[in-house]
């Protein structure tokens, strides 16, 4: 990197489930790298999104939503979120303008008191509230920590997101560009493909306990220069869930497959043939070996 003033660093995004962390990451990066769903606890790993400009490179770590763990998977998500805070240059604490401060926010605030890096309070979803209500919303948080700055944004529409990026660049250290300029995520393609399939399962079957769904991408084969063949298993805990995901005459599974394929094609720029199967693995969320098989590895926390 020729520019001696080039800035680079790592920024953690933390907040309660559903405050819009993944939406923010996707807006900043410019394409879909984090699964988006209004079902709580959909992000299970520290997905990194990479923002690169001529002046700076910011590597974002999107932590799983903080919540009280009740299974091994929950425990993993909790440790994963907390470990991210110890290895970054700044933290974005994202809260929703549409919800009052709650116990989940207080839990995060307590943890953030131990963090020495600059913390930005990011008030998201301002497009959904009356601007006159904003001061009152900010007041709930502003004295809880010594924030570097408080920024109100709409991650969905992009309002004020550029100001947030500029604020971050200002405080980042000088450093190298860690990743190539055209790379937007450090996750292997299989992980992102699995997340896209999982997102569609949530989207289409949201009322049916979607946390108990994992996706295992079993093969990604290139057939020729423009065509990929992808096979994946959708893992559920109970036969009843399998029936819901397959749907009458296989209709639901087909719909999941079509929507996921379109997203994967956009991401990879290839024509994709996607084959999906549904597998019942009882209590997979409480089996350490299964968690490893489905991509939740110890090195992530």
C-alpha atoms as a PDB file:
ATOM      1  CA  UNK A   1       0.000   0.000   0.000  1.00  0.00           C
ATOM      2  CA  UNK A   2       1.701   3.217  -1.179  1.00  0.00           C
ATOM      3  CA  UNK A   3      -0.354   5.597   0.977  1.00  0.00           C
ATOM      4  CA  UNK A   4       1.522   6.118   4.306  1.00  0.00           C
ATOM      5  CA  UNK A   5      -1.670   7.538   5.848  1.00  0.00           C
ATOM      6  CA  UNK A   6      -3.802   4.506   4.938  1.00  0.00           C
ATOM      7  CA  UNK A   7      -6.067   3.494   7.840  1.00  0.00           C
ATOM      8  CA  UNK A   8      -7.147  -0.037   8.657  1.00  0.00           C
ATOM      9  CA  UNK A   9      -8.688  -1.834  11.563  1.00  0.00           C
ATOM     10  CA  UNK A  10     -11.325  -4.132  13.005  1.00  0.00           C
ATOM     11  CA  UNK A  11     -14.727  -2.979  14.251  1.00  0.00           C
ATOM     12  CA  UNK A  12     -17.219  -5.122  16.208  1.00  0.00           C
ATOM     13  CA  UNK A  13     -20.953  -4.629  15.733  1.00  0.00           C
ATOM     14  CA  UNK A  14     -22.864  -5.586  18.871  1.00  0.00           C
ATOM     15  CA  UNK A  15     -26.466  -5.249  19.987  1.00  0.00           C
ATOM     16  CA  UNK A  16     -29.618  -7.087  20.947  1.00  0.00           C
ATOM     17  CA  UNK A  17     -31.201  -9.432  18.386  1.00  0.00           C
ATOM     18  CA  UNK A  18     -33.164  -7.647  15.636  1.00  0.00           C
ATOM     19  CA  UNK A  19     -31.720  -4.162  16.020  1.00  0.00           C
ATOM     20  CA  UNK A  20     -30.403  -4.248  12.430  1.00  0.00           C
ATOM     21  CA  UNK A  21     -26.739  -5.231  12.820  1.00  0.00           C
ATOM     22  CA  UNK A  22     -26.707  -7.441   9.717  1.00  0.00           C
ATOM     23  CA  UNK A  23     -28.634  -4.840   7.701  1.00  0.00           C
ATOM     24  CA  UNK A  24     -25.989  -2.258   8.618  1.00  0.00           C
ATOM     25  CA  UNK A  25     -23.158  -4.602   7.660  1.00  0.00           C
ATOM     26  CA  UNK A  26     -24.796  -5.415   4.333  1.00  0.00           C
ATOM     27  CA  UNK A  27     -25.386  -1.726   3.539  1.00  0.00           C
ATOM     28  CA  UNK A  28     -21.771  -0.799   4.288  1.00  0.00           C
ATOM     29  CA  UNK A  29     -20.330  -3.671   2.288  1.00  0.00           C
ATOM     30  CA  UNK A  30     -22.759  -3.183  -0.599  1.00  0.00           C
ATOM     31  CA  UNK A  31     -23.886  -6.770  -0.970  1.00  0.00           C
ATOM     32  CA  UNK A  32     -25.365  -9.533   1.090  1.00  0.00           C
ATOM     33  CA  UNK A  33     -22.800 -11.100   3.437  1.00  0.00           C
ATOM     34  CA  UNK A  34     -24.836 -11.411   6.645  1.00  0.00           C
ATOM     35  CA  UNK A  35     -28.118 -13.266   6.862  1.00  0.00           C
ATOM     36  CA  UNK A  36     -31.048 -10.886   7.365  1.00  0.00           C
ATOM     37  CA  UNK A  37     -34.202 -11.958   9.120  1.00  0.00           C
ATOM     38  CA  UNK A  38     -36.547 -10.548  11.715  1.00  0.00           C
ATOM     39  CA  UNK A  39     -36.275 -13.818  13.638  1.00  0.00           C
ATOM     40  CA  UNK A  40     -34.058 -13.383  16.708  1.00  0.00           C
ATOM     41  CA  UNK A  41     -30.654 -15.106  16.830  1.00  0.00           C
ATOM     42  CA  UNK A  42     -30.146 -15.706  13.143  1.00  0.00           C
ATOM     43  CA  UNK A  43     -26.460 -14.746  13.031  1.00  0.00           C
ATOM     44  CA  UNK A  44     -24.492 -17.593  14.573  1.00  0.00           C
ATOM     45  CA  UNK A  45     -20.893 -16.865  13.646  1.00  0.00           C
ATOM     46  CA  UNK A  46     -18.761 -13.779  13.598  1.00  0.00           C
ATOM     47  CA  UNK A  47     -19.371 -12.841   9.986  1.00  0.00           C
ATOM     48  CA  UNK A  48     -16.786 -10.418   8.741  1.00  0.00           C
ATOM     49  CA  UNK A  49     -17.727  -7.841   6.164  1.00  0.00           C
ATOM     50  CA  UNK A  50     -14.947  -5.812   4.596  1.00  0.00           C
ATOM     51  CA  UNK A  51     -15.266  -2.166   3.569  1.00  0.00           C
ATOM     52  CA  UNK A  52     -12.442  -0.897   1.352  1.00  0.00           C
ATOM     53  CA  UNK A  53     -11.871   2.605  -0.005  1.00  0.00           C
ATOM     54  CA  UNK A  54      -8.771   4.475  -1.297  1.00  0.00           C
ATOM     55  CA  UNK A  55      -8.287   5.867   2.244  1.00  0.00           C
ATOM     56  CA  UNK A  56      -9.106   2.936   4.492  1.00  0.00           C
ATOM     57  CA  UNK A  57     -10.112  -0.666   5.039  1.00  0.00           C
ATOM     58  CA  UNK A  58     -12.510  -1.570   7.849  1.00  0.00           C
ATOM     59  CA  UNK A  59     -13.068  -5.226   8.739  1.00  0.00           C
ATOM     60  CA  UNK A  60     -16.434  -5.567  10.472  1.00  0.00           C
ATOM     61  CA  UNK A  61     -17.160  -8.390  12.884  1.00  0.00           C
ATOM     62  CA  UNK A  62     -20.886  -8.999  13.181  1.00  0.00           C
ATOM     63  CA  UNK A  63     -21.435 -10.629  16.551  1.00  0.00           C
ATOM     64  CA  UNK A  64     -24.391 -12.897  17.314  1.00  0.00           C
ATOM     65  CA  UNK A  65     -27.210 -11.146  19.175  1.00  0.00           C
ATOM     66  CA  UNK A  66     -26.645 -11.250  22.894  1.00  0.00           C
ATOM     67  CA  UNK A  67     -29.136 -13.382  24.792  1.00  0.00           C
ATOM     68  CA  UNK A  68     -29.214 -15.821  27.695  1.00  0.00           C
ATOM     69  CA  UNK A  69     -27.853 -19.166  26.473  1.00  0.00           C
ATOM     70  CA  UNK A  70     -30.116 -22.183  26.990  1.00  0.00           C
ATOM     71  CA  UNK A  71     -28.415 -24.755  24.729  1.00  0.00           C
ATOM     72  CA  UNK A  72     -24.844 -25.529  23.664  1.00  0.00           C
ATOM     73  CA  UNK A  73     -25.553 -23.520  20.514  1.00  0.00           C
ATOM     74  CA  UNK A  74     -26.699 -20.576  22.647  1.00  0.00           C
ATOM     75  CA  UNK A  75     -23.574 -20.893  24.761  1.00  0.00           C
ATOM     76  CA  UNK A  76     -21.424 -20.860  21.633  1.00  0.00           C
ATOM     77  CA  UNK A  77     -23.175 -17.738  20.329  1.00  0.00           C
ATOM     78  CA  UNK A  78     -22.683 -15.949  23.644  1.00  0.00           C
ATOM     79  CA  UNK A  79     -18.942 -16.701  23.816  1.00  0.00           C
ATOM     80  CA  UNK A  80     -18.567 -15.811  20.155  1.00  0.00           C
ATOM     81  CA  UNK A  81     -20.129 -12.388  20.671  1.00  0.00           C
ATOM     82  CA  UNK A  82     -18.089 -11.557  23.734  1.00  0.00           C
ATOM     83  CA  UNK A  83     -14.717 -12.684  22.386  1.00  0.00           C
ATOM     84  CA  UNK A  84     -15.128 -10.320  19.428  1.00  0.00           C
ATOM     85  CA  UNK A  85     -14.893  -7.336  21.765  1.00  0.00           C
ATOM     86  CA  UNK A  86     -11.361  -8.173  22.854  1.00  0.00           C
ATOM     87  CA  UNK A  87      -9.769  -8.036  19.424  1.00  0.00           C
ATOM     88  CA  UNK A  88     -11.029  -4.866  17.747  1.00  0.00           C
ATOM     89  CA  UNK A  89     -10.128  -1.190  17.324  1.00  0.00           C
ATOM     90  CA  UNK A  90     -13.656   0.113  17.924  1.00  0.00           C
ATOM     91  CA  UNK A  91     -17.129  -1.120  18.858  1.00  0.00           C
ATOM     92  CA  UNK A  92     -20.502  -0.147  17.390  1.00  0.00           C
ATOM     93  CA  UNK A  93     -23.250  -0.645  19.978  1.00  0.00           C
ATOM     94  CA  UNK A  94     -26.406  -0.767  17.853  1.00  0.00           C
ATOM     95  CA  UNK A  95     -29.801  -0.077  19.415  1.00  0.00           C
ATOM     96  CA  UNK A  96     -33.214   0.258  17.800  1.00  0.00           C
ATOM     97  CA  UNK A  97     -35.045   3.593  17.833  1.00  0.00           C
ATOM     98  CA  UNK A  98     -38.304   1.615  17.783  1.00  0.00           C
ATOM     99  CA  UNK A  99     -37.735  -0.174  21.110  1.00  0.00           C
ATOM    100  CA  UNK A 100     -37.217   1.047  24.671  1.00  0.00           C
ATOM    101  CA  UNK A 101     -33.958   0.206  26.406  1.00  0.00           C
ATOM    102  CA  UNK A 102     -34.344  -3.251  27.940  1.00  0.00           C
ATOM    103  CA  UNK A 103     -32.506  -5.876  30.044  1.00  0.00           C
ATOM    104  CA  UNK A 104     -30.660  -7.090  26.914  1.00  0.00           C
ATOM    105  CA  UNK A 105     -29.223  -3.610  26.366  1.00  0.00           C
ATOM    106  CA  UNK A 106     -28.271  -3.349  30.057  1.00  0.00           C
ATOM    107  CA  UNK A 107     -26.462  -6.702  29.828  1.00  0.00           C
ATOM    108  CA  UNK A 108     -24.409  -5.420  26.865  1.00  0.00           C
ATOM    109  CA  UNK A 109     -23.723  -2.084  28.570  1.00  0.00           C
ATOM    110  CA  UNK A 110     -22.309  -3.955  31.608  1.00  0.00           C
ATOM    111  CA  UNK A 111     -19.986  -5.952  29.344  1.00  0.00           C
ATOM    112  CA  UNK A 112     -18.946  -2.832  27.411  1.00  0.00           C
ATOM    113  CA  UNK A 113     -17.829  -1.162  30.649  1.00  0.00           C
ATOM    114  CA  UNK A 114     -14.819  -3.506  30.516  1.00  0.00           C
ATOM    115  CA  UNK A 115     -13.896  -2.445  26.967  1.00  0.00           C
ATOM    116  CA  UNK A 116     -11.153   0.152  26.580  1.00  0.00           C
ATOM    117  CA  UNK A 117     -11.594   0.720  22.825  1.00  0.00           C
ATOM    118  CA  UNK A 118     -13.765   3.608  21.522  1.00  0.00           C
ATOM    119  CA  UNK A 119     -17.482   2.756  21.575  1.00  0.00           C
ATOM    120  CA  UNK A 120     -19.982   4.394  19.243  1.00  0.00           C
ATOM    121  CA  UNK A 121     -23.685   4.364  20.075  1.00  0.00           C
ATOM    122  CA  UNK A 122     -25.562   3.717  16.828  1.00  0.00           C
ATOM    123  CA  UNK A 123     -29.303   4.413  16.999  1.00  0.00           C
ATOM    124  CA  UNK A 124     -30.776   2.495  14.062  1.00  0.00           C
ATOM    125  CA  UNK A 125     -34.234   2.490  12.391  1.00  0.00           C
ATOM    126  CA  UNK A 126     -34.694   6.277  12.610  1.00  0.00           C
ATOM    127  CA  UNK A 127     -36.821   5.991   9.434  1.00  0.00           C
ATOM    128  CA  UNK A 128     -39.481   4.294  11.604  1.00  0.00           C
ATOM    129  CA  UNK A 129     -39.858   6.980  14.296  1.00  0.00           C
ATOM    130  CA  UNK A 130     -40.822  10.642  14.519  1.00  0.00           C
ATOM    131  CA  UNK A 131     -37.627  12.785  14.482  1.00  0.00           C
ATOM    132  CA  UNK A 132     -38.959  14.698  17.509  1.00  0.00           C
ATOM    133  CA  UNK A 133     -38.766  11.473  19.540  1.00  0.00           C
ATOM    134  CA  UNK A 134     -35.049  10.931  18.849  1.00  0.00           C
ATOM    135  CA  UNK A 135     -33.613  13.011  21.745  1.00  0.00           C
ATOM    136  CA  UNK A 136     -35.705  11.019  24.219  1.00  0.00           C
ATOM    137  CA  UNK A 137     -34.521   7.726  22.677  1.00  0.00           C
ATOM    138  CA  UNK A 138     -30.852   8.810  22.829  1.00  0.00           C
ATOM    139  CA  UNK A 139     -31.279   9.997  26.438  1.00  0.00           C
ATOM    140  CA  UNK A 140     -31.998   6.408  27.534  1.00  0.00           C
ATOM    141  CA  UNK A 141     -28.398   5.479  26.664  1.00  0.00           C
ATOM    142  CA  UNK A 142     -26.177   8.543  26.493  1.00  0.00           C
ATOM    143  CA  UNK A 143     -24.969   8.531  30.115  1.00  0.00           C
ATOM    144  CA  UNK A 144     -24.542   4.750  30.438  1.00  0.00           C
ATOM    145  CA  UNK A 145     -21.058   4.716  28.844  1.00  0.00           C
ATOM    146  CA  UNK A 146     -18.581   7.352  27.704  1.00  0.00           C
ATOM    147  CA  UNK A 147     -19.394   7.034  24.002  1.00  0.00           C
ATOM    148  CA  UNK A 148     -16.915   8.318  21.433  1.00  0.00           C
ATOM    149  CA  UNK A 149     -19.905   9.524  19.427  1.00  0.00           C
ATOM    150  CA  UNK A 150     -23.656   8.971  19.071  1.00  0.00           C
ATOM    151  CA  UNK A 151     -24.873   8.485  15.498  1.00  0.00           C
ATOM    152  CA  UNK A 152     -28.519   8.070  14.443  1.00  0.00           C
ATOM    153  CA  UNK A 153     -28.939   6.069  11.235  1.00  0.00           C
ATOM    154  CA  UNK A 154     -31.261   4.078   9.029  1.00  0.00           C
ATOM    155  CA  UNK A 155     -29.253   1.017   7.950  1.00  0.00           C
ATOM    156  CA  UNK A 156     -32.066   0.037   5.601  1.00  0.00           C
ATOM    157  CA  UNK A 157     -32.117   3.348   3.719  1.00  0.00           C
ATOM    158  CA  UNK A 158     -28.516   4.375   4.323  1.00  0.00           C
ATOM    159  CA  UNK A 159     -29.266   7.643   6.162  1.00  0.00           C
ATOM    160  CA  UNK A 160     -26.148   8.868   7.974  1.00  0.00           C
ATOM    161  CA  UNK A 161     -24.236   5.611   7.403  1.00  0.00           C
ATOM    162  CA  UNK A 162     -21.461   7.442   5.511  1.00  0.00           C
ATOM    163  CA  UNK A 163     -20.993   9.810   8.469  1.00  0.00           C
ATOM    164  CA  UNK A 164     -20.608   6.773  10.705  1.00  0.00           C
ATOM    165  CA  UNK A 165     -17.956   5.298   8.378  1.00  0.00           C
ATOM    166  CA  UNK A 166     -16.055   8.610   8.345  1.00  0.00           C
ATOM    167  CA  UNK A 167     -16.166   8.755  12.149  1.00  0.00           C
ATOM    168  CA  UNK A 168     -14.685   5.267  12.288  1.00  0.00           C
ATOM    169  CA  UNK A 169     -11.947   5.988   9.748  1.00  0.00           C
ATOM    170  CA  UNK A 170     -10.870   8.996  11.822  1.00  0.00           C
ATOM    171  CA  UNK A 171     -10.081   6.906  14.886  1.00  0.00           C
ATOM    172  CA  UNK A 172      -8.570   3.844  13.149  1.00  0.00           C
ATOM    173  CA  UNK A 173      -4.801   3.353  13.288  1.00  0.00           C
ATOM    174  CA  UNK A 174      -2.593   3.645  10.204  1.00  0.00           C
ATOM    175  CA  UNK A 175      -2.073   0.208   8.789  1.00  0.00           C
ATOM    176  CA  UNK A 176      -2.002  -2.123   5.802  1.00  0.00           C
ATOM    177  CA  UNK A 177      -4.863  -3.288   3.628  1.00  0.00           C
ATOM    178  CA  UNK A 178      -5.528  -6.764   5.037  1.00  0.00           C
ATOM    179  CA  UNK A 179      -7.732  -8.040   2.233  1.00  0.00           C
ATOM    180  CA  UNK A 180      -7.894  -7.519  -1.548  1.00  0.00           C
ATOM    181  CA  UNK A 181     -10.043  -4.499  -2.495  1.00  0.00           C
ATOM    182  CA  UNK A 182     -12.733  -6.651  -4.147  1.00  0.00           C
ATOM    183  CA  UNK A 183     -13.148  -9.070  -1.228  1.00  0.00           C
ATOM    184  CA  UNK A 184     -16.202  -8.433   0.947  1.00  0.00           C
ATOM    185  CA  UNK A 185     -16.090 -11.323   3.412  1.00  0.00           C
ATOM    186  CA  UNK A 186     -13.442 -13.602   4.901  1.00  0.00           C
ATOM    187  CA  UNK A 187     -15.838 -16.539   5.060  1.00  0.00           C
ATOM    188  CA  UNK A 188     -15.451 -19.349   2.576  1.00  0.00           C
ATOM    189  CA  UNK A 189     -18.151 -19.485  -0.085  1.00  0.00           C
ATOM    190  CA  UNK A 190     -19.739 -22.578   1.479  1.00  0.00           C
ATOM    191  CA  UNK A 191     -20.486 -20.699   4.684  1.00  0.00           C
ATOM    192  CA  UNK A 192     -22.157 -17.810   2.842  1.00  0.00           C
ATOM    193  CA  UNK A 193     -24.127 -20.238   0.642  1.00  0.00           C
ATOM    194  CA  UNK A 194     -25.368 -22.063   3.766  1.00  0.00           C
ATOM    195  CA  UNK A 195     -26.396 -18.747   5.338  1.00  0.00           C
ATOM    196  CA  UNK A 196     -28.380 -17.781   2.241  1.00  0.00           C
ATOM    197  CA  UNK A 197     -30.286 -21.072   2.256  1.00  0.00           C
ATOM    198  CA  UNK A 198     -30.911 -20.732   6.000  1.00  0.00           C
ATOM    199  CA  UNK A 199     -32.221 -17.202   5.507  1.00  0.00           C
ATOM    200  CA  UNK A 200     -34.857 -18.454   3.055  1.00  0.00           C
ATOM    201  CA  UNK A 201     -35.932 -21.203   5.464  1.00  0.00           C
ATOM    202  CA  UNK A 202     -36.488 -18.507   8.112  1.00  0.00           C
ATOM    203  CA  UNK A 203     -38.244 -16.206   5.735  1.00  0.00           C
ATOM    204  CA  UNK A 204     -40.739 -18.802   4.528  1.00  0.00           C
ATOM    205  CA  UNK A 205     -41.325 -20.868   7.696  1.00  0.00           C
ATOM    206  CA  UNK A 206     -40.696 -18.271  10.409  1.00  0.00           C
ATOM    207  CA  UNK A 207     -43.432 -19.373  12.813  1.00  0.00           C
ATOM    208  CA  UNK A 208     -42.034 -22.905  13.047  1.00  0.00           C
ATOM    209  CA  UNK A 209     -39.103 -22.694  15.501  1.00  0.00           C
ATOM    210  CA  UNK A 210     -36.478 -21.712  12.955  1.00  0.00           C
ATOM    211  CA  UNK A 211     -33.562 -21.733  15.447  1.00  0.00           C
ATOM    212  CA  UNK A 212     -33.530 -25.502  15.141  1.00  0.00           C
ATOM    213  CA  UNK A 213     -32.448 -25.330  11.506  1.00  0.00           C
ATOM    214  CA  UNK A 214     -28.869 -25.692  10.269  1.00  0.00           C
ATOM    215  CA  UNK A 215     -27.618 -26.004   6.704  1.00  0.00           C
ATOM    216  CA  UNK A 216     -24.764 -28.289   5.733  1.00  0.00           C
ATOM    217  CA  UNK A 217     -23.402 -27.604   2.231  1.00  0.00           C
ATOM    218  CA  UNK A 218     -22.112 -31.018   1.179  1.00  0.00           C
ATOM    219  CA  UNK A 219     -20.642 -30.154  -2.219  1.00  0.00           C
ATOM    220  CA  UNK A 220     -19.880 -27.226  -4.521  1.00  0.00           C
ATOM    221  CA  UNK A 221     -18.745 -28.479  -7.917  1.00  0.00           C
ATOM    222  CA  UNK A 222     -17.957 -26.448 -11.003  1.00  0.00           C
ATOM    223  CA  UNK A 223     -19.509 -28.058 -14.076  1.00  0.00           C
ATOM    224  CA  UNK A 224     -17.998 -25.577 -16.546  1.00  0.00           C
ATOM    225  CA  UNK A 225     -16.868 -21.968 -16.673  1.00  0.00           C
ATOM    226  CA  UNK A 226     -20.329 -20.576 -15.889  1.00  0.00           C
ATOM    227  CA  UNK A 227     -22.179 -23.349 -14.037  1.00  0.00           C
ATOM    228  CA  UNK A 228     -21.993 -24.580 -10.437  1.00  0.00           C
ATOM    229  CA  UNK A 229     -23.662 -27.623  -8.911  1.00  0.00           C
ATOM    230  CA  UNK A 230     -24.387 -27.190  -5.184  1.00  0.00           C
ATOM    231  CA  UNK A 231     -25.804 -29.813  -2.816  1.00  0.00           C
ATOM    232  CA  UNK A 232     -26.926 -29.058   0.722  1.00  0.00           C
ATOM    233  CA  UNK A 233     -28.776 -30.682   3.626  1.00  0.00           C
ATOM    234  CA  UNK A 234     -31.242 -28.672   5.691  1.00  0.00           C
ATOM    235  CA  UNK A 235     -30.931 -30.096   9.230  1.00  0.00           C
ATOM    236  CA  UNK A 236     -33.924 -30.060  11.587  1.00  0.00           C
ATOM    237  CA  UNK A 237     -34.554 -31.595  15.013  1.00  0.00           C
ATOM    238  CA  UNK A 238     -37.995 -33.155  14.508  1.00  0.00           C
ATOM    239  CA  UNK A 239     -39.863 -35.036  11.763  1.00  0.00           C
ATOM    240  CA  UNK A 240     -42.689 -32.469  11.962  1.00  0.00           C
ATOM    241  CA  UNK A 241     -40.266 -29.706  11.020  1.00  0.00           C
ATOM    242  CA  UNK A 242     -39.069 -31.762   8.076  1.00  0.00           C
ATOM    243  CA  UNK A 243     -42.667 -31.960   6.825  1.00  0.00           C
ATOM    244  CA  UNK A 244     -43.095 -28.185   7.125  1.00  0.00           C
ATOM    245  CA  UNK A 245     -39.899 -27.442   5.191  1.00  0.00           C
ATOM    246  CA  UNK A 246     -40.706 -29.917   2.412  1.00  0.00           C
ATOM    247  CA  UNK A 247     -44.317 -28.708   2.226  1.00  0.00           C
ATOM    248  CA  UNK A 248     -47.252 -30.202   0.357  1.00  0.00           C
ATOM    249  CA  UNK A 249     -45.964 -31.995  -2.725  1.00  0.00           C
ATOM    250  CA  UNK A 250     -42.486 -30.543  -2.092  1.00  0.00           C
ATOM    251  CA  UNK A 251     -43.708 -27.004  -2.807  1.00  0.00           C
ATOM    252  CA  UNK A 252     -42.056 -25.275   0.171  1.00  0.00           C
ATOM    253  CA  UNK A 253     -38.661 -26.885  -0.429  1.00  0.00           C
ATOM    254  CA  UNK A 254     -38.844 -25.868  -4.074  1.00  0.00           C
ATOM    255  CA  UNK A 255     -39.631 -22.262  -3.100  1.00  0.00           C
ATOM    256  CA  UNK A 256     -36.738 -22.186  -0.598  1.00  0.00           C
ATOM    257  CA  UNK A 257     -34.433 -23.588  -3.278  1.00  0.00           C
ATOM    258  CA  UNK A 258     -35.509 -21.092  -5.954  1.00  0.00           C
ATOM    259  CA  UNK A 259     -35.095 -18.044  -3.712  1.00  0.00           C
ATOM    260  CA  UNK A 260     -31.745 -19.228  -2.321  1.00  0.00           C
ATOM    261  CA  UNK A 261     -30.454 -20.069  -5.808  1.00  0.00           C
ATOM    262  CA  UNK A 262     -31.225 -16.548  -7.049  1.00  0.00           C
ATOM    263  CA  UNK A 263     -29.265 -15.005  -4.157  1.00  0.00           C
ATOM    264  CA  UNK A 264     -26.338 -17.403  -4.628  1.00  0.00           C
ATOM    265  CA  UNK A 265     -26.221 -16.645  -8.359  1.00  0.00           C
ATOM    266  CA  UNK A 266     -26.095 -12.911  -7.604  1.00  0.00           C
ATOM    267  CA  UNK A 267     -23.271 -13.458  -5.116  1.00  0.00           C
ATOM    268  CA  UNK A 268     -21.134 -15.758  -7.242  1.00  0.00           C
ATOM    269  CA  UNK A 269     -21.987 -14.455 -10.714  1.00  0.00           C
ATOM    270  CA  UNK A 270     -22.580 -18.019 -11.957  1.00  0.00           C
ATOM    271  CA  UNK A 271     -25.562 -20.097 -13.005  1.00  0.00           C
ATOM    272  CA  UNK A 272     -26.328 -22.450 -10.117  1.00  0.00           C
ATOM    273  CA  UNK A 273     -28.036 -25.832  -9.933  1.00  0.00           C
ATOM    274  CA  UNK A 274     -29.049 -26.214  -6.271  1.00  0.00           C
ATOM    275  CA  UNK A 275     -30.123 -29.551  -4.779  1.00  0.00           C
ATOM    276  CA  UNK A 276     -31.619 -29.530  -1.285  1.00  0.00           C
ATOM    277  CA  UNK A 277     -32.447 -32.390   1.059  1.00  0.00           C
ATOM    278  CA  UNK A 278     -34.014 -32.241   4.536  1.00  0.00           C
ATOM    279  CA  UNK A 279     -32.472 -34.365   7.287  1.00  0.00           C
ATOM    280  CA  UNK A 280     -33.743 -34.974  10.838  1.00  0.00           C
ATOM    281  CA  UNK A 281     -30.967 -34.975  13.472  1.00  0.00           C
ATOM    282  CA  UNK A 282     -32.599 -34.984  16.949  1.00  0.00           C
ATOM    283  CA  UNK A 283     -31.142 -32.433  19.415  1.00  0.00           C
ATOM    284  CA  UNK A 284     -28.295 -31.404  17.106  1.00  0.00           C
ATOM    285  CA  UNK A 285     -28.017 -28.054  18.956  1.00  0.00           C
ATOM    286  CA  UNK A 286     -26.889 -29.813  22.126  1.00  0.00           C
ATOM    287  CA  UNK A 287     -24.245 -32.031  20.540  1.00  0.00           C
ATOM    288  CA  UNK A 288     -20.757 -30.536  20.336  1.00  0.00           C
ATOM    289  CA  UNK A 289     -19.703 -32.790  17.466  1.00  0.00           C
ATOM    290  CA  UNK A 290     -22.757 -31.756  15.451  1.00  0.00           C
ATOM    291  CA  UNK A 291     -22.083 -28.060  16.079  1.00  0.00           C
ATOM    292  CA  UNK A 292     -18.592 -28.545  14.639  1.00  0.00           C
ATOM    293  CA  UNK A 293     -19.994 -30.404  11.623  1.00  0.00           C
ATOM    294  CA  UNK A 294     -22.350 -27.532  10.870  1.00  0.00           C
ATOM    295  CA  UNK A 295     -19.671 -24.856  11.020  1.00  0.00           C
ATOM    296  CA  UNK A 296     -19.690 -23.702  14.652  1.00  0.00           C
ATOM    297  CA  UNK A 297     -16.047 -24.256  15.519  1.00  0.00           C
ATOM    298  CA  UNK A 298     -14.085 -23.605  18.725  1.00  0.00           C
ATOM    299  CA  UNK A 299     -11.695 -21.246  16.945  1.00  0.00           C
ATOM    300  CA  UNK A 300     -14.629 -18.875  16.507  1.00  0.00           C
ATOM    301  CA  UNK A 301     -14.535 -18.207  20.243  1.00  0.00           C
END
